[in-house]
Amino acid sequence: MCQEFLLVSDHEIIGGMVLTECEDMESLELSEAVFYLEKIVIHPLYQGKQSIDHLFRCAKEQGKACGKTVYFDCCSGNHKLTEYYSRKAE
């Protein structure tokens, strides 16, 4: 199952994310299905303005509503982004 979410401001799409239900991930041994935050994007004009916080909050709320853990993953090699993801995942 895949869920897509859009972030809208003043009737314009400024970001979005995809949550995918996973039962198996190569890097994790899972005992139950989880949501994996597969893709997340923010329009360049809105980056650095906490716009992404709305998407993180939505992902966590979806996980809670469905009784699933949400996994955020950042394998870009961008240490600043990895640290940001880590703070938001708490």
N, C-alpha and C. Protein backbone atom coordinates (compact mmCIF):
# COMPACT_ATOMS: atom_id res chain seq x y z
N MET A 1 0.84 -1.18 0.00
CA MET A 1 0.00 0.00 0.00
C MET A 1 0.89 1.24 0.00
N CYS A 2 0.49 2.21 -0.77
CA CYS A 2 1.24 3.45 -0.92
C CYS A 2 0.29 4.62 -0.72
N GLN A 3 0.71 5.61 0.06
CA GLN A 3 -0.10 6.80 0.28
C GLN A 3 0.71 8.02 -0.14
N GLU A 4 0.09 8.89 -0.90
CA GLU A 4 0.75 10.11 -1.35
C GLU A 4 0.10 11.31 -0.65
N PHE A 5 0.93 12.27 -0.23
CA PHE A 5 0.46 13.46 0.45
C PHE A 5 1.07 14.69 -0.22
N LEU A 6 0.27 15.73 -0.37
CA LEU A 6 0.74 16.98 -0.95
C LEU A 6 0.68 18.08 0.10
N LEU A 7 1.65 18.96 0.07
CA LEU A 7 1.68 20.13 0.94
C LEU A 7 1.34 21.33 0.06
N VAL A 8 0.29 22.04 0.44
CA VAL A 8 -0.22 23.14 -0.37
C VAL A 8 -0.17 24.44 0.41
N SER A 9 0.24 25.51 -0.26
CA SER A 9 0.25 26.85 0.33
C SER A 9 -0.29 27.82 -0.71
N ASP A 10 -1.27 28.60 -0.34
CA ASP A 10 -1.88 29.57 -1.26
C ASP A 10 -2.25 28.92 -2.60
N HIS A 11 -2.89 27.75 -2.52
CA HIS A 11 -3.39 27.02 -3.69
C HIS A 11 -2.28 26.51 -4.61
N GLU A 12 -1.05 26.46 -4.13
CA GLU A 12 0.07 25.92 -4.93
C GLU A 12 0.70 24.75 -4.19
N ILE A 13 1.05 23.72 -4.93
CA ILE A 13 1.75 22.57 -4.34
C ILE A 13 3.19 22.99 -4.08
N ILE A 14 3.60 22.88 -2.81
CA ILE A 14 4.98 23.25 -2.45
C ILE A 14 5.79 22.06 -1.97
N GLY A 15 5.15 20.91 -1.83
CA GLY A 15 5.88 19.73 -1.39
C GLY A 15 5.00 18.50 -1.40
N GLY A 16 5.62 17.38 -1.10
CA GLY A 16 4.87 16.14 -1.04
C GLY A 16 5.71 15.01 -0.49
N MET A 17 5.05 13.91 -0.19
CA MET A 17 5.75 12.73 0.31
C MET A 17 4.97 11.48 -0.07
N VAL A 18 5.67 10.35 -0.01
CA VAL A 18 5.06 9.06 -0.26
C VAL A 18 5.38 8.16 0.93
N LEU A 19 4.33 7.62 1.55
CA LEU A 19 4.47 6.62 2.61
C LEU A 19 4.09 5.27 2.02
N THR A 20 4.97 4.31 2.16
CA THR A 20 4.74 2.97 1.63
C THR A 20 4.72 1.97 2.76
N GLU A 21 3.70 1.12 2.78
CA GLU A 21 3.65 0.08 3.81
C GLU A 21 4.62 -1.03 3.41
N CYS A 22 5.51 -1.38 4.33
CA CYS A 22 6.53 -2.40 4.06
C CYS A 22 6.46 -3.48 5.13
N GLU A 23 6.67 -4.71 4.70
CA GLU A 23 6.78 -5.82 5.63
C GLU A 23 8.20 -6.35 5.69
N ASP A 24 9.01 -5.92 4.73
CA ASP A 24 10.38 -6.42 4.67
C ASP A 24 11.28 -5.31 4.14
N MET A 25 12.32 -4.99 4.90
CA MET A 25 13.33 -4.04 4.46
C MET A 25 14.68 -4.70 4.65
N GLU A 26 15.53 -4.63 3.66
CA GLU A 26 16.81 -5.32 3.71
C GLU A 26 17.63 -4.95 4.94
N SER A 27 17.59 -3.68 5.34
CA SER A 27 18.45 -3.22 6.43
C SER A 27 17.84 -3.42 7.82
N LEU A 28 16.57 -3.81 7.90
CA LEU A 28 15.90 -3.97 9.19
C LEU A 28 15.18 -5.31 9.26
N GLU A 29 15.24 -5.92 10.43
CA GLU A 29 14.44 -7.11 10.66
C GLU A 29 13.13 -6.64 11.28
N LEU A 30 12.04 -6.78 10.56
CA LEU A 30 10.75 -6.28 11.01
C LEU A 30 9.85 -7.41 11.45
N SER A 31 9.17 -7.21 12.58
CA SER A 31 8.22 -8.21 13.05
C SER A 31 6.80 -7.85 12.63
N GLU A 32 6.63 -6.66 12.08
CA GLU A 32 5.31 -6.22 11.64
C GLU A 32 5.47 -5.22 10.50
N ALA A 33 4.39 -4.94 9.81
CA ALA A 33 4.42 -3.97 8.72
C ALA A 33 4.64 -2.57 9.29
N VAL A 34 5.38 -1.77 8.56
CA VAL A 34 5.69 -0.39 8.97
C VAL A 34 5.42 0.53 7.77
N PHE A 35 5.40 1.83 8.05
CA PHE A 35 5.38 2.81 6.97
C PHE A 35 6.81 3.28 6.74
N TYR A 36 7.20 3.34 5.50
CA TYR A 36 8.52 3.82 5.12
C TYR A 36 8.32 5.13 4.36
N LEU A 37 8.94 6.19 4.84
CA LEU A 37 8.87 7.48 4.16
C LEU A 37 9.82 7.39 2.97
N GLU A 38 9.23 7.01 1.85
CA GLU A 38 10.02 6.66 0.66
C GLU A 38 10.53 7.89 -0.09
N LYS A 39 9.69 8.89 -0.21
CA LYS A 39 10.08 10.10 -0.93
C LYS A 39 9.53 11.30 -0.18
N ILE A 40 10.31 12.37 -0.16
CA ILE A 40 9.85 13.62 0.42
C ILE A 40 10.51 14.75 -0.36
N VAL A 41 9.71 15.70 -0.79
CA VAL A 41 10.24 16.81 -1.58
C VAL A 41 9.60 18.12 -1.13
N ILE A 42 10.39 19.18 -1.20
CA ILE A 42 9.91 20.54 -0.92
C ILE A 42 10.42 21.43 -2.05
N HIS A 43 9.55 22.26 -2.58
CA HIS A 43 9.94 23.21 -3.62
C HIS A 43 11.11 24.06 -3.09
N PRO A 44 12.12 24.32 -3.93
CA PRO A 44 13.30 25.08 -3.48
C PRO A 44 12.98 26.42 -2.80
N LEU A 45 11.94 27.11 -3.23
CA LEU A 45 11.60 28.40 -2.62
C LEU A 45 11.10 28.26 -1.19
N TYR A 46 10.70 27.04 -0.79
CA TYR A 46 10.15 26.81 0.55
C TYR A 46 11.10 26.01 1.45
N GLN A 47 12.25 25.62 0.91
CA GLN A 47 13.21 24.88 1.72
C GLN A 47 13.83 25.79 2.76
N GLY A 48 14.08 25.23 3.94
CA GLY A 48 14.68 26.00 5.02
C GLY A 48 13.68 26.87 5.77
N LYS A 49 12.39 26.70 5.50
CA LYS A 49 11.35 27.51 6.14
C LYS A 49 10.40 26.65 6.96
N GLN A 50 10.88 25.53 7.43
CA GLN A 50 10.11 24.57 8.23
C GLN A 50 8.92 23.97 7.49
N SER A 51 8.84 24.12 6.19
CA SER A 51 7.74 23.51 5.42
C SER A 51 7.75 22.00 5.57
N ILE A 52 8.93 21.43 5.62
CA ILE A 52 9.03 19.97 5.72
C ILE A 52 8.48 19.45 7.04
N ASP A 53 8.46 20.32 8.07
CA ASP A 53 7.93 19.91 9.37
C ASP A 53 6.48 19.43 9.25
N HIS A 54 5.71 20.06 8.39
CA HIS A 54 4.31 19.66 8.21
C HIS A 54 4.22 18.24 7.65
N LEU A 55 5.11 17.90 6.74
CA LEU A 55 5.10 16.55 6.17
C LEU A 55 5.55 15.52 7.19
N PHE A 56 6.58 15.83 7.97
CA PHE A 56 7.02 14.91 9.03
C PHE A 56 5.90 14.68 10.03
N ARG A 57 5.24 15.74 10.43
CA ARG A 57 4.15 15.63 11.40
C ARG A 57 3.02 14.76 10.82
N CYS A 58 2.70 14.97 9.57
CA CYS A 58 1.66 14.18 8.89
C CYS A 58 2.05 12.70 8.86
N ALA A 59 3.30 12.41 8.54
CA ALA A 59 3.77 11.02 8.49
C ALA A 59 3.63 10.36 9.86
N LYS A 60 4.04 11.08 10.91
CA LYS A 60 3.94 10.53 12.27
C LYS A 60 2.47 10.32 12.66
N GLU A 61 1.60 11.25 12.30
CA GLU A 61 0.18 11.12 12.62
C GLU A 61 -0.44 9.94 11.88
N GLN A 62 -0.06 9.73 10.61
CA GLN A 62 -0.55 8.58 9.85
C GLN A 62 -0.12 7.28 10.50
N GLY A 63 1.14 7.23 10.90
CA GLY A 63 1.64 6.03 11.56
C GLY A 63 0.88 5.74 12.84
N LYS A 64 0.69 6.77 13.63
CA LYS A 64 -0.03 6.60 14.90
C LYS A 64 -1.46 6.15 14.64
N ALA A 65 -2.14 6.78 13.69
CA ALA A 65 -3.53 6.44 13.38
C ALA A 65 -3.68 4.99 12.91
N CYS A 66 -2.65 4.48 12.22
CA CYS A 66 -2.69 3.12 11.68
C CYS A 66 -1.98 2.10 12.58
N GLY A 67 -1.42 2.58 13.69
CA GLY A 67 -0.70 1.69 14.60
C GLY A 67 0.59 1.17 14.01
N LYS A 68 1.25 1.99 13.18
CA LYS A 68 2.49 1.56 12.52
C LYS A 68 3.63 2.51 12.85
N THR A 69 4.81 1.96 12.91
CA THR A 69 6.02 2.76 13.05
C THR A 69 6.35 3.36 11.70
N VAL A 70 6.84 4.60 11.70
CA VAL A 70 7.25 5.26 10.46
C VAL A 70 8.77 5.33 10.46
N TYR A 71 9.38 4.85 9.38
CA TYR A 71 10.82 4.91 9.22
C TYR A 71 11.19 6.01 8.24
N PHE A 72 12.08 6.88 8.68
CA PHE A 72 12.65 7.92 7.84
C PHE A 72 14.05 7.44 7.48
N ASP A 73 14.47 7.65 6.26
CA ASP A 73 15.78 7.18 5.84
C ASP A 73 16.45 8.27 5.01
N CYS A 74 17.71 8.50 5.28
CA CYS A 74 18.47 9.48 4.51
C CYS A 74 19.82 8.88 4.18
N CYS A 75 19.98 8.44 2.96
CA CYS A 75 21.23 7.82 2.53
C CYS A 75 21.95 8.69 1.51
N SER A 76 21.74 9.98 1.57
CA SER A 76 22.28 10.86 0.55
C SER A 76 23.75 11.19 0.76
N GLY A 77 24.30 10.87 1.95
CA GLY A 77 25.66 11.28 2.25
C GLY A 77 25.71 12.72 2.73
N ASN A 78 24.56 13.36 2.83
CA ASN A 78 24.46 14.73 3.29
C ASN A 78 24.29 14.69 4.81
N HIS A 79 25.38 14.94 5.55
CA HIS A 79 25.35 14.79 7.01
C HIS A 79 24.42 15.80 7.67
N LYS A 80 24.34 17.00 7.13
CA LYS A 80 23.44 18.01 7.68
C LYS A 80 21.99 17.54 7.56
N LEU A 81 21.63 16.97 6.40
CA LEU A 81 20.28 16.47 6.19
C LEU A 81 20.00 15.26 7.08
N THR A 82 20.98 14.38 7.24
CA THR A 82 20.82 13.22 8.12
C THR A 82 20.56 13.65 9.55
N GLU A 83 21.30 14.65 10.03
CA GLU A 83 21.08 15.16 11.39
C GLU A 83 19.69 15.76 11.52
N TYR A 84 19.25 16.49 10.51
CA TYR A 84 17.92 17.09 10.51
C TYR A 84 16.85 16.01 10.58
N TYR A 85 16.97 14.97 9.75
CA TYR A 85 16.03 13.86 9.76
C TYR A 85 15.99 13.22 11.15
N SER A 86 17.16 13.03 11.75
CA SER A 86 17.23 12.39 13.07
C SER A 86 16.48 13.21 14.11
N ARG A 87 16.62 14.51 14.09
CA ARG A 87 15.92 15.37 15.05
C ARG A 87 14.41 15.29 14.83
N LYS A 88 13.96 15.28 13.59
CA LYS A 88 12.53 15.27 13.27
C LYS A 88 11.89 13.92 13.56
N ALA A 89 12.66 12.87 13.55
CA ALA A 89 12.11 11.53 13.77
C ALA A 89 11.81 11.27 15.23
N GLU A 90 12.31 12.08 16.11
CA GLU A 90 12.09 11.85 17.55
C GLU A 90 10.70 12.24 17.98
